[in-house]
Amino acid sequence: MSLKIAIAQINATVGDFAGNRKRLVDFAERARKLGADLLLTPELALCGYPPEDLLLRDDFCAACESELDLLAGSVRGIAILVGHPEKRGTQCYNAATLLSDGKRVATYYKQRLPNYEVFDEERYFASGDGPCVLTIKGVRCGVNICEDVWQAGAADLARAAGAELLLVLNASPYRIGKHEQRTEVLRQRVVSTGLPVVYANLAGGQDELVFDGGSFVLDSQGTLVCRLPQFEEALAIVEFVDGEPQPGSIAATPCLEAEVYQALLLGVRDYLGKNRFPGAIIGLSGGIDSALTLCIAVDALGADKVRAVMMPSPYTAEISLADSREMVHLLGVAYDEIPIEPAMRTLAGMLEKQFAGLAADTTEENLQARIRGMILMALSNKTGSLVLTTGNKSEMAVGYCTLYGDMAGGFAVIKDIAKTLVYRLARWRNARSHAIPERIISRPPSAELKPDQTDQDSLPPYEVLDAIVEAYMEQDLSPRSIIARGYAEADVRRVVHLLKISEYKRRQAPVGIRVTQRGFGKDWRYPITNRYRDLY
């Protein structure tokens, strides 16, 4: 017995029912022409993932019901297993429905609801409590949805109900190491059930989340027989003969730097594209963070949609200006230089009476950053283009960023990229084609807000800082445990203290792309008012 299953690795947009439906119909027609019997789609593909509080609206759920009927009537000659929310009375379910010949054949409700990291499904969904096994061309196919296979139980129920293979709909967001983890988790399900697995994952950006695709197929021994590429839409056909998937193409997995860079490109492209911004504006400083952000924007959007602005002050080094000019020439983007010294003088005069007798401090430094933020936002208002902020995770952690200054903007591209990873990505990008002047990578980082300033004047080396931040905020280690790893107590105390007192800033930061196990976004929910001290 032969069964051909098509995997639809699509890029859905939350709330775009008509657009998502058209995408599903297009994929179904392509799969039908290739001889597929069934099209497997990602989790909640019809409405996009995650719809969040839209699910609390009855009109949203009703619209999804109508679109599901329209989809059923639009697909002919092939069955389609589609993910969607389904309202039943007062309960809403994360569902997957088999559509065939214009009808709803069967519906499965997700049994395991994730409520950790960026997931909040218990807020919206009720749990299903039983298996669903579909017979397609004589083959009994069990259905699971995403979290169902991350825990034991749901797949075993499908096996006990007679399933011969497992179809899994997923909206599994990217983070470093996630692709390998998914494969290992599914191998565990194969071992426990003896069932081959077809795993279809979403591909695309949705606010801070990036879904990386990478859909795959494992045979009943847990051997990888097919893998789709990451970070792009794709369609693949896998043929099952006598219950086993036949070997197909296996897309290569990129190195870590390439994988993260692709995630950032997709996040930027979809955030601006899905929200219909005509382009991006980036404030250049001559430093590595803004240089990397500019590269990502150009690679994601095209040079014609990117504008760079250099805003020198009296403290801006000539080499910063020279390097910025060289970089915009290499990338071919529109470029402006707007000196901020006139605004600095004006503000100093306006505040002269109020500041009389007070020594210069970070106030004057922050004014420079806020002047630059105001200029960038003015250009954004005039053109409609979105300001991309350039702060990295290390700065966000310890508060080395200025509210309404360098934090001003609409999307924080490298918000979850630690400084050490910034350097790795910059070197990787330059190895593809020269875009960042070498001096930007090699010179000591500086905010250039006062004479002879460097970041390490008040922070430990970034290798130390990033390791402490990762241990504390991603791994939830106590300061004492971090010190026991060999880090200086003074460094640990300072970094943890800065991290805690900077929470109010992070709450006001733009949304940014998540690539680590824990970013400063949906999965970081610490109180601003917080007197807990875990160092003592």
Protein backbone atom coordinates (compact mmCIF):
# COMPACT_ATOMS: atom_id res chain seq x y z
CA MET A 1 0.00 0.00 0.00
CA SER A 2 1.40 3.41 -1.03
CA LEU A 3 0.45 6.75 0.54
CA LYS A 4 1.92 10.09 -0.54
CA ILE A 5 1.92 12.83 2.10
CA ALA A 6 2.83 16.41 1.24
CA ILE A 7 4.33 18.65 3.91
CA ALA A 8 3.24 22.29 3.61
CA GLN A 9 5.86 24.39 5.40
CA ILE A 10 4.06 27.72 5.06
CA ASN A 11 4.49 31.26 6.35
CA ALA A 12 1.14 32.19 7.90
CA THR A 13 0.19 35.65 9.17
CA VAL A 14 -1.87 35.99 12.33
CA GLY A 15 -5.43 37.10 11.52
CA ASP A 16 -4.98 37.03 7.74
CA PHE A 17 -7.62 34.38 7.15
CA ALA A 18 -8.04 35.06 3.45
CA GLY A 19 -4.30 35.21 2.82
CA ASN A 20 -3.59 32.07 4.83
CA ARG A 21 -6.45 30.24 3.13
CA LYS A 22 -5.14 31.19 -0.31
CA ARG A 23 -1.69 29.94 0.67
CA LEU A 24 -3.14 26.63 1.82
CA VAL A 25 -5.16 26.26 -1.38
CA ASP A 26 -2.08 27.02 -3.49
CA PHE A 27 0.01 24.45 -1.62
CA ALA A 28 -2.78 21.89 -1.88
CA GLU A 29 -3.02 22.38 -5.64
CA ARG A 30 0.77 22.05 -6.05
CA ALA A 31 0.72 18.90 -3.92
CA ARG A 32 -2.20 17.44 -5.88
CA LYS A 33 -0.35 17.93 -9.16
CA LEU A 34 2.61 16.06 -7.64
CA GLY A 35 0.34 13.12 -6.85
CA ALA A 36 -0.02 13.61 -3.09
CA ASP A 37 -2.97 12.07 -1.28
CA LEU A 38 -2.78 14.29 1.81
CA LEU A 39 -1.44 17.76 2.61
CA LEU A 40 -0.16 18.17 6.19
CA THR A 41 -0.10 21.79 7.41
CA PRO A 42 1.37 23.50 10.49
CA GLU A 43 -0.38 24.18 13.80
CA LEU A 44 -3.10 26.88 13.61
CA ALA A 45 -2.10 27.48 9.99
CA LEU A 46 -5.49 28.95 9.11
CA CYS A 47 -5.33 31.79 11.64
CA GLY A 48 -1.57 32.07 12.24
CA TYR A 49 0.36 31.40 15.43
CA PRO A 50 0.23 32.65 18.14
CA PRO A 51 -3.09 34.54 17.90
CA GLU A 52 -2.89 35.36 21.62
CA ASP A 53 -5.89 37.32 22.98
CA LEU A 54 -7.60 37.35 19.59
CA LEU A 55 -8.74 33.90 20.70
CA LEU A 56 -10.82 35.53 23.44
CA ARG A 57 -12.94 37.24 20.79
CA ASP A 58 -16.02 35.35 19.61
CA ASP A 59 -15.92 37.17 16.28
CA PHE A 60 -12.37 35.94 15.63
CA CYS A 61 -13.33 32.33 16.29
CA ALA A 62 -16.47 32.68 14.17
CA ALA A 63 -14.45 34.10 11.28
CA CYS A 64 -12.10 31.14 11.51
CA GLU A 65 -15.05 28.75 11.31
CA SER A 66 -16.27 30.46 8.15
CA GLU A 67 -12.82 30.37 6.58
CA LEU A 68 -12.51 26.66 7.36
CA ASP A 69 -15.70 26.03 5.40
CA LEU A 70 -14.42 28.15 2.53
CA LEU A 71 -11.16 26.19 2.57
CA ALA A 72 -13.02 22.88 2.50
CA GLY A 73 -14.94 24.03 -0.58
CA SER A 74 -11.78 25.24 -2.32
CA VAL A 75 -9.67 22.08 -2.14
CA ARG A 76 -10.44 19.22 -4.49
CA GLY A 77 -8.63 16.03 -5.41
CA ILE A 78 -6.55 15.92 -2.23
CA ALA A 79 -7.25 15.70 1.49
CA ILE A 80 -5.86 18.41 3.75
CA LEU A 81 -5.18 18.27 7.49
CA VAL A 82 -5.34 21.88 8.65
CA GLY A 83 -4.66 23.50 12.01
CA HIS A 84 -7.19 25.99 13.39
CA PRO A 85 -8.87 27.10 16.64
CA GLU A 86 -12.32 25.64 17.25
CA LYS A 87 -14.91 27.02 19.65
CA ARG A 88 -17.32 24.56 21.25
CA GLY A 89 -19.67 26.27 23.67
CA THR A 90 -17.52 28.20 26.11
CA GLN A 91 -14.40 26.15 25.36
CA CYS A 92 -11.83 26.81 22.66
CA TYR A 93 -9.58 24.06 21.34
CA ASN A 94 -6.34 23.98 19.40
CA ALA A 95 -7.60 21.75 16.62
CA ALA A 96 -6.65 19.92 13.45
CA THR A 97 -9.37 18.97 10.97
CA LEU A 98 -9.20 16.66 8.00
CA LEU A 99 -10.97 18.17 4.97
CA SER A 100 -11.83 15.97 2.00
CA ASP A 101 -14.27 16.39 -0.88
CA GLY A 102 -15.58 19.63 0.57
CA LYS A 103 -16.39 18.13 3.97
CA ARG A 104 -14.98 18.00 7.48
CA VAL A 105 -14.10 14.35 8.01
CA ALA A 106 -12.67 14.38 11.55
CA THR A 107 -11.22 16.81 14.10
CA TYR A 108 -8.49 16.30 16.69
CA TYR A 109 -8.02 18.48 19.78
CA LYS A 110 -4.54 19.12 21.17
CA GLN A 111 -4.07 17.30 24.48
CA ARG A 112 -0.90 18.87 25.93
CA LEU A 113 -0.96 22.67 26.28
CA PRO A 114 2.44 24.33 26.78
CA ASN A 115 2.62 27.02 29.42
CA TYR A 116 6.34 27.83 29.65
CA GLU A 117 8.91 30.00 27.88
CA VAL A 118 6.94 31.98 25.27
CA PHE A 119 3.89 29.71 25.41
CA ASP A 120 0.66 30.61 27.20
CA GLU A 121 -1.83 28.12 25.77
CA GLU A 122 -3.59 27.30 29.03
CA ARG A 123 -4.89 30.87 28.95
CA TYR A 124 -6.79 30.18 25.74
CA PHE A 125 -7.41 26.50 25.14
CA ALA A 126 -9.07 23.54 26.78
CA SER A 127 -7.30 20.19 26.49
CA GLY A 128 -8.49 17.39 24.26
CA ASP A 129 -8.71 13.98 25.89
CA GLY A 130 -8.68 11.38 23.16
CA PRO A 131 -6.82 10.16 20.08
CA CYS A 132 -7.75 10.75 16.46
CA VAL A 133 -6.81 8.18 13.85
CA LEU A 134 -7.57 8.88 10.18
CA THR A 135 -7.69 6.22 7.49
CA ILE A 136 -6.25 7.54 4.24
CA LYS A 137 -5.79 5.14 1.32
CA GLY A 138 -5.98 2.28 3.78
CA VAL A 139 -3.26 3.68 6.08
CA ARG A 140 -4.23 4.55 9.65
CA CYS A 141 -2.68 7.93 10.53
CA GLY A 142 -2.61 9.24 14.10
CA VAL A 143 -2.71 13.00 14.68
CA ASN A 144 -0.79 15.02 17.29
CA ILE A 145 -0.20 18.74 17.63
CA CYS A 146 3.20 20.11 18.68
CA GLU A 147 3.41 19.84 22.50
CA ASP A 148 1.64 16.47 22.32
CA VAL A 149 4.91 14.90 21.14
CA TRP A 150 7.13 16.75 23.62
CA GLN A 151 5.61 14.68 26.41
CA ALA A 152 4.82 10.99 26.59
CA GLY A 153 1.20 9.95 26.34
CA ALA A 154 -0.63 11.47 23.38
CA ALA A 155 1.41 9.59 20.78
CA ASP A 156 0.98 6.37 22.75
CA LEU A 157 -2.81 6.87 22.72
CA ALA A 158 -2.71 7.19 18.93
CA ARG A 159 -0.68 3.99 18.71
CA ALA A 160 -3.11 2.17 21.00
CA ALA A 161 -6.00 3.36 18.79
CA GLY A 162 -4.41 1.60 15.81
CA ALA A 163 -2.25 4.31 14.21
CA GLU A 164 0.43 3.08 11.79
CA LEU A 165 2.16 6.46 11.44
CA LEU A 166 2.02 9.80 13.23
CA LEU A 167 1.18 13.18 11.65
CA VAL A 168 2.33 16.14 13.76
CA LEU A 169 1.26 19.76 13.14
CA ASN A 170 3.65 22.29 14.69
CA ALA A 171 4.27 25.95 15.34
CA SER A 172 7.60 25.51 17.08
CA PRO A 173 9.54 28.80 17.35
CA TYR A 174 13.25 28.99 16.72
CA ARG A 175 15.95 29.29 19.30
CA ILE A 176 19.56 28.20 19.19
CA GLY A 177 19.72 24.42 19.44
CA LYS A 178 15.97 23.90 18.97
CA HIS A 179 16.22 22.08 15.63
CA GLU A 180 18.41 19.33 17.06
CA GLN A 181 16.26 19.12 20.19
CA ARG A 182 13.09 18.60 18.14
CA THR A 183 14.64 15.73 16.24
CA GLU A 184 15.76 14.02 19.44
CA VAL A 185 12.33 14.46 21.08
CA LEU A 186 10.61 12.92 18.07
CA ARG A 187 13.07 10.02 18.11
CA GLN A 188 11.94 9.35 21.67
CA ARG A 189 8.33 9.19 20.46
CA VAL A 190 9.36 6.79 17.69
CA VAL A 191 11.11 4.57 20.23
CA SER A 192 8.06 4.52 22.53
CA THR A 193 5.48 3.93 19.79
CA GLY A 194 7.32 2.29 16.90
CA LEU A 195 5.53 4.74 14.58
CA PRO A 196 7.21 6.73 11.81
CA VAL A 197 6.62 10.49 12.13
CA VAL A 198 5.84 13.29 9.69
CA TYR A 199 6.58 16.63 11.36
CA ALA A 200 5.33 19.83 9.65
CA ASN A 201 6.51 23.13 11.13
CA LEU A 202 5.60 26.74 10.50
CA ALA A 203 8.11 29.06 8.79
CA GLY A 204 8.02 32.84 9.25
CA GLY A 205 8.29 35.76 11.63
CA GLN A 206 5.56 36.81 14.07
CA ASP A 207 6.53 39.77 16.26
CA GLU A 208 9.44 38.56 18.43
CA LEU A 209 9.11 34.92 17.37
CA VAL A 210 10.67 33.33 14.31
CA PHE A 211 9.45 29.95 13.13
CA ASP A 212 12.24 28.18 11.32
CA GLY A 213 10.47 25.40 9.44
CA GLY A 214 12.94 22.55 9.18
CA SER A 215 10.08 20.04 8.86
CA PHE A 216 11.22 16.42 8.75
CA VAL A 217 10.30 12.75 8.54
CA LEU A 218 11.60 9.87 10.71
CA ASP A 219 11.09 6.22 9.86
CA SER A 220 10.04 3.62 12.44
CA GLN A 221 13.68 3.21 13.51
CA GLY A 222 14.09 6.94 14.16
CA THR A 223 16.24 7.46 11.06
CA LEU A 224 15.93 10.83 9.34
CA VAL A 225 14.68 10.24 5.79
CA CYS A 226 13.58 13.76 4.77
CA ARG A 227 14.23 17.30 5.99
CA LEU A 228 13.00 20.60 4.55
CA PRO A 229 15.14 23.75 4.58
CA GLN A 230 15.01 26.21 7.46
CA PHE A 231 13.62 29.78 7.39
CA GLU A 232 11.68 29.51 4.14
CA GLU A 233 8.45 28.15 2.77
CA ALA A 234 8.75 24.71 1.22
CA LEU A 235 6.74 21.77 -0.04
CA ALA A 236 7.94 18.18 0.08
CA ILE A 237 6.34 14.85 -0.79
CA VAL A 238 7.12 11.75 1.23
CA GLU A 239 5.87 8.37 0.02
CA PHE A 240 4.97 5.64 2.50
CA VAL A 241 5.27 2.11 1.16
CA ASP A 242 4.12 -0.72 3.42
CA GLY A 243 4.07 1.72 6.33
CA GLU A 244 7.60 3.07 5.94
CA PRO A 245 8.64 6.46 4.48
CA GLN A 246 10.89 6.28 1.46
CA PRO A 247 14.12 8.33 1.45
CA GLY A 248 13.77 11.91 0.27
CA SER A 249 15.90 15.01 0.13
CA ILE A 250 17.61 16.11 3.35
CA ALA A 251 18.38 19.82 3.52
CA ALA A 252 21.76 20.68 5.02
CA THR A 253 21.81 22.30 8.46
CA PRO A 254 23.71 25.61 8.60
CA CYS A 255 26.37 26.51 11.14
CA LEU A 256 25.22 28.40 14.25
CA GLU A 257 26.16 31.83 12.88
CA ALA A 258 24.39 31.19 9.57
CA GLU A 259 21.32 29.85 11.35
CA VAL A 260 21.03 32.85 13.70
CA TYR A 261 21.66 35.30 10.86
CA GLN A 262 18.89 33.69 8.78
CA ALA A 263 16.55 33.92 11.77
CA LEU A 264 17.28 37.64 12.08
CA LEU A 265 16.73 38.20 8.36
CA LEU A 266 13.38 36.44 8.43
CA GLY A 267 12.33 38.28 11.59
CA VAL A 268 13.09 41.67 10.05
CA ARG A 269 11.60 40.87 6.65
CA ASP A 270 8.33 39.59 8.07
CA TYR A 271 7.93 42.23 10.78
CA LEU A 272 8.26 45.07 8.28
CA GLY A 273 6.50 43.24 5.45
CA LYS A 274 3.52 41.92 7.41
CA ASN A 275 3.03 45.31 9.09
CA ARG A 276 3.43 47.11 5.74
CA PHE A 277 6.33 49.42 6.60
CA PRO A 278 7.92 50.75 3.41
CA GLY A 279 11.49 50.57 4.71
CA ALA A 280 13.91 50.86 7.61
CA ILE A 281 15.98 53.63 9.16
CA ILE A 282 19.12 52.89 11.17
CA GLY A 283 21.23 55.26 13.20
CA LEU A 284 24.90 54.50 12.53
CA SER A 285 27.53 55.13 15.19
CA GLY A 286 30.65 53.66 13.66
CA GLY A 287 30.30 50.76 16.10
CA ILE A 288 29.74 47.07 15.54
CA ASP A 289 26.11 46.88 16.75
CA SER A 290 24.75 49.41 14.28
CA ALA A 291 26.99 47.95 11.56
CA LEU A 292 25.57 44.47 12.04
CA THR A 293 22.01 45.81 12.20
CA LEU A 294 22.55 47.67 8.94
CA CYS A 295 23.84 44.50 7.24
CA ILE A 296 20.82 42.52 8.44
CA ALA A 297 18.41 45.21 7.23
CA VAL A 298 20.00 45.39 3.79
CA ASP A 299 20.17 41.61 3.39
CA ALA A 300 16.55 41.26 4.55
CA LEU A 301 14.92 44.14 2.71
CA GLY A 302 17.26 45.26 -0.05
CA ALA A 303 19.47 48.36 -0.07
CA ASP A 304 16.75 50.46 -1.70
CA LYS A 305 14.53 50.11 1.38
CA VAL A 306 17.17 51.07 3.95
CA ARG A 307 18.36 54.50 5.06
CA ALA A 308 21.37 55.04 7.34
CA VAL A 309 21.85 58.18 9.40
CA MET A 310 25.10 59.24 11.07
CA MET A 311 24.67 61.89 13.77
CA PRO A 312 28.15 62.93 14.94
CA SER A 313 28.82 64.87 18.11
CA PRO A 314 32.03 66.62 19.21
CA TYR A 315 33.03 63.28 20.78
CA THR A 316 32.59 61.24 17.61
CA ALA A 317 35.95 59.98 16.39
CA GLU A 318 36.93 60.70 12.81
CA ILE A 319 37.45 57.00 12.26
CA SER A 320 33.81 56.41 13.22
CA LEU A 321 32.73 58.79 10.47
CA ALA A 322 35.16 57.29 7.97
CA ASP A 323 34.09 53.73 8.73
CA SER A 324 30.39 54.59 8.48
CA ARG A 325 30.92 56.28 5.11
CA GLU A 326 32.84 53.27 3.85
CA MET A 327 30.15 50.87 5.00
CA VAL A 328 27.23 52.66 3.38
CA HIS A 329 29.28 52.81 0.18
CA LEU A 330 29.88 49.05 0.35
CA LEU A 331 26.19 48.33 0.92
CA GLY A 332 24.79 51.01 -1.38
CA VAL A 333 22.23 52.50 0.99
CA ALA A 334 20.90 56.04 1.26
CA TYR A 335 22.93 57.98 3.81
CA ASP A 336 22.64 61.21 5.77
CA GLU A 337 24.99 62.98 8.18
CA ILE A 338 23.24 65.23 10.68
CA PRO A 339 25.60 66.76 13.31
CA ILE A 340 23.96 67.09 16.72
CA GLU A 341 26.25 69.76 18.20
CA PRO A 342 23.78 72.60 17.43
CA ALA A 343 21.05 70.78 19.37
CA MET A 344 23.49 70.04 22.20
CA ARG A 345 24.32 73.76 22.50
CA THR A 346 20.66 74.74 22.40
CA LEU A 347 19.70 72.30 25.15
CA ALA A 348 22.68 73.29 27.26
CA GLY A 349 21.54 76.91 27.03
CA MET A 350 17.92 76.02 27.81
CA LEU A 351 18.97 74.08 30.92
CA GLU A 352 21.82 76.32 32.03
CA LYS A 353 19.88 77.82 34.94
CA GLN A 354 18.55 74.44 36.13
CA PHE A 355 21.98 72.79 35.91
CA ALA A 356 23.92 75.67 37.48
CA GLY A 357 26.45 74.43 40.04
CA LEU A 358 25.98 70.77 39.08
CA ALA A 359 28.84 68.77 37.58
CA ALA A 360 28.44 67.20 34.15
CA ASP A 361 27.49 63.51 34.35
CA THR A 362 25.48 60.93 32.45
CA THR A 363 22.69 63.51 32.04
CA GLU A 364 24.62 65.24 29.29
CA GLU A 365 25.50 61.89 27.74
CA ASN A 366 21.86 60.82 27.71
CA LEU A 367 20.83 64.12 26.11
CA GLN A 368 23.04 63.25 23.14
CA ALA A 369 21.35 59.88 22.77
CA ARG A 370 17.90 61.46 23.03
CA ILE A 371 18.73 64.08 20.40
CA ARG A 372 19.68 61.26 18.05
CA GLY A 373 16.52 59.33 18.92
CA MET A 374 14.39 62.39 18.21
CA ILE A 375 16.02 62.87 14.80
CA LEU A 376 15.50 59.24 13.83
CA MET A 377 11.86 59.29 14.94
CA ALA A 378 11.26 62.52 13.02
CA LEU A 379 12.58 60.89 9.85
CA SER A 380 10.41 57.86 10.58
CA ASN A 381 7.30 60.03 10.99
CA LYS A 382 7.97 61.84 7.70
CA THR A 383 8.72 58.78 5.60
CA GLY A 384 6.74 56.00 7.28
CA SER A 385 9.86 53.86 7.51
CA LEU A 386 10.52 52.02 10.76
CA VAL A 387 13.48 52.82 13.01
CA LEU A 388 15.44 49.67 13.82
CA THR A 389 17.18 49.97 17.16
CA THR A 390 20.73 48.67 17.48
CA GLY A 391 21.09 47.65 21.14
CA ASN A 392 22.28 44.13 21.92
CA LYS A 393 21.31 41.73 24.70
CA SER A 394 24.34 42.55 26.84
CA GLU A 395 23.37 46.24 26.91
CA MET A 396 19.71 45.45 27.53
CA ALA A 397 20.69 43.23 30.46
CA VAL A 398 22.72 45.82 32.35
CA GLY A 399 20.82 48.93 31.25
CA TYR A 400 23.61 50.42 29.14
CA CYS A 401 21.04 52.02 26.89
CA THR A 402 19.09 55.28 27.06
CA LEU A 403 15.32 55.48 27.30
CA TYR A 404 13.94 57.64 24.47
CA GLY A 405 17.46 57.72 23.03
CA ASP A 406 19.17 54.72 21.46
CA MET A 407 16.17 52.65 22.66
CA ALA A 408 13.81 54.77 20.53
CA GLY A 409 12.44 52.85 17.55
CA GLY A 410 10.00 50.23 16.38
CA PHE A 411 11.90 46.94 16.23
CA ALA A 412 14.97 45.74 18.14
CA VAL A 413 16.80 43.50 15.69
CA ILE A 414 19.67 42.26 17.90
CA LYS A 415 17.88 42.58 21.25
CA ASP A 416 18.56 38.89 22.01
CA ILE A 417 22.10 38.80 20.58
CA ALA A 418 24.84 38.98 23.21
CA LYS A 419 27.84 41.16 22.39
CA THR A 420 30.14 38.18 21.93
CA LEU A 421 27.69 36.73 19.40
CA VAL A 422 27.47 40.12 17.67
CA TYR A 423 31.19 39.82 16.89
CA ARG A 424 30.79 36.25 15.64
CA LEU A 425 27.93 37.24 13.35
CA ALA A 426 29.83 40.24 12.01
CA ARG A 427 32.85 38.10 11.14
CA TRP A 428 30.62 35.44 9.57
CA ARG A 429 28.82 38.06 7.46
CA ASN A 430 32.09 39.59 6.31
CA ALA A 431 33.34 36.17 5.24
CA ARG A 432 30.38 35.96 2.83
CA SER A 433 31.16 39.38 1.29
CA HIS A 434 32.98 42.38 2.70
CA ALA A 435 30.41 44.72 4.21
CA ILE A 436 31.76 45.84 7.60
CA PRO A 437 35.08 47.70 7.70
CA GLU A 438 37.57 45.62 9.68
CA ARG A 439 38.31 48.48 12.05
CA ILE A 440 34.69 48.46 13.27
CA ILE A 441 35.18 44.84 14.35
CA SER A 442 38.65 45.22 15.84
CA ARG A 443 38.50 48.53 17.72
CA PRO A 444 37.34 48.64 21.39
CA PRO A 445 33.59 49.35 21.61
CA SER A 446 32.59 52.82 22.80
CA ALA A 447 29.40 54.85 23.11
CA GLU A 448 31.47 57.99 22.28
CA LEU A 449 29.47 60.20 24.63
CA LYS A 450 32.53 61.67 26.34
CA PRO A 451 36.28 61.84 25.60
CA ASP A 452 38.23 58.56 25.44
CA GLN A 453 35.25 56.47 26.53
CA THR A 454 35.13 52.67 26.18
CA ASP A 455 32.53 50.14 27.32
CA GLN A 456 35.04 48.38 29.55
CA ASP A 457 35.49 51.54 31.67
CA SER A 458 32.59 50.35 33.82
CA LEU A 459 31.81 46.79 32.72
CA PRO A 460 33.72 43.51 32.91
CA PRO A 461 34.98 42.12 29.59
CA TYR A 462 32.09 41.04 27.39
CA GLU A 463 33.13 37.39 27.56
CA VAL A 464 32.63 37.57 31.34
CA LEU A 465 29.53 39.78 31.21
CA ASP A 466 27.74 37.58 28.69
CA ALA A 467 28.53 34.39 30.59
CA ILE A 468 27.13 35.85 33.82
CA VAL A 469 23.99 37.13 32.08
CA GLU A 470 23.40 33.77 30.40
CA ALA A 471 23.87 31.88 33.67
CA TYR A 472 21.58 34.18 35.65
CA MET A 473 18.73 34.97 33.24
CA GLU A 474 18.71 31.99 30.85
CA GLN A 475 19.74 29.21 33.25
CA ASP A 476 18.26 30.70 36.46
CA LEU A 477 21.47 30.08 38.40
CA SER A 478 21.94 31.88 41.70
CA PRO A 479 24.78 34.39 42.05
CA ARG A 480 26.54 31.99 44.42
CA SER A 481 26.38 29.23 41.81
CA ILE A 482 27.82 31.59 39.19
CA ILE A 483 30.65 32.60 41.53
CA ALA A 484 31.31 28.89 42.14
CA ARG A 485 31.94 28.57 38.40
CA GLY A 486 35.00 30.76 38.86
CA TYR A 487 33.70 34.26 38.12
CA ALA A 488 34.84 37.10 40.35
CA GLU A 489 32.32 37.91 43.07
CA ALA A 490 32.59 41.64 42.34
CA ASP A 491 31.72 41.07 38.67
CA VAL A 492 28.78 38.82 39.51
CA ARG A 493 27.42 41.25 42.10
CA ARG A 494 27.69 44.20 39.71
CA VAL A 495 26.12 42.47 36.71
CA VAL A 496 23.21 41.02 38.72
CA HIS A 497 22.61 44.38 40.40
CA LEU A 498 22.57 46.20 37.06
CA LEU A 499 20.30 43.57 35.55
CA LYS A 500 17.75 44.01 38.33
CA ILE A 501 17.65 47.80 38.42
CA SER A 502 17.25 48.00 34.62
CA GLU A 503 13.92 46.18 34.44
CA TYR A 504 11.94 49.42 34.06
CA LYS A 505 13.94 50.23 30.94
CA ARG A 506 13.38 46.84 29.35
CA ARG A 507 9.62 47.12 29.85
CA GLN A 508 9.72 50.18 27.58
CA ALA A 509 11.96 48.67 24.92
CA PRO A 510 10.67 47.79 21.44
CA VAL A 511 9.83 44.20 20.64
CA GLY A 512 12.80 42.31 19.25
CA ILE A 513 13.71 38.96 17.72
CA ARG A 514 14.17 36.04 20.13
CA VAL A 515 16.93 33.52 19.32
CA THR A 516 17.97 32.18 22.73
CA GLN A 517 16.29 29.97 25.29
CA ARG A 518 15.18 33.09 27.13
CA GLY A 519 15.00 36.60 25.76
CA PHE A 520 13.91 39.88 27.30
CA GLY A 521 10.37 39.51 25.97
CA LYS A 522 7.43 37.14 26.36
CA ASP A 523 9.46 34.69 28.45
CA TRP A 524 11.01 37.21 30.88
CA ARG A 525 8.42 38.42 33.38
CA TYR A 526 10.23 39.88 36.37
CA PRO A 527 8.62 42.60 38.50
CA ILE A 528 9.98 46.11 38.24
CA THR A 529 9.32 46.80 41.92
CA ASN A 530 11.39 44.04 43.49
CA ARG A 531 13.34 44.02 46.74
CA TYR A 532 14.42 40.39 46.59
CA ARG A 533 18.19 40.18 46.88
CA ASP A 534 19.62 36.77 46.14
CA LEU A 535 23.26 37.62 46.81
CA TYR A 536 22.97 37.51 50.56
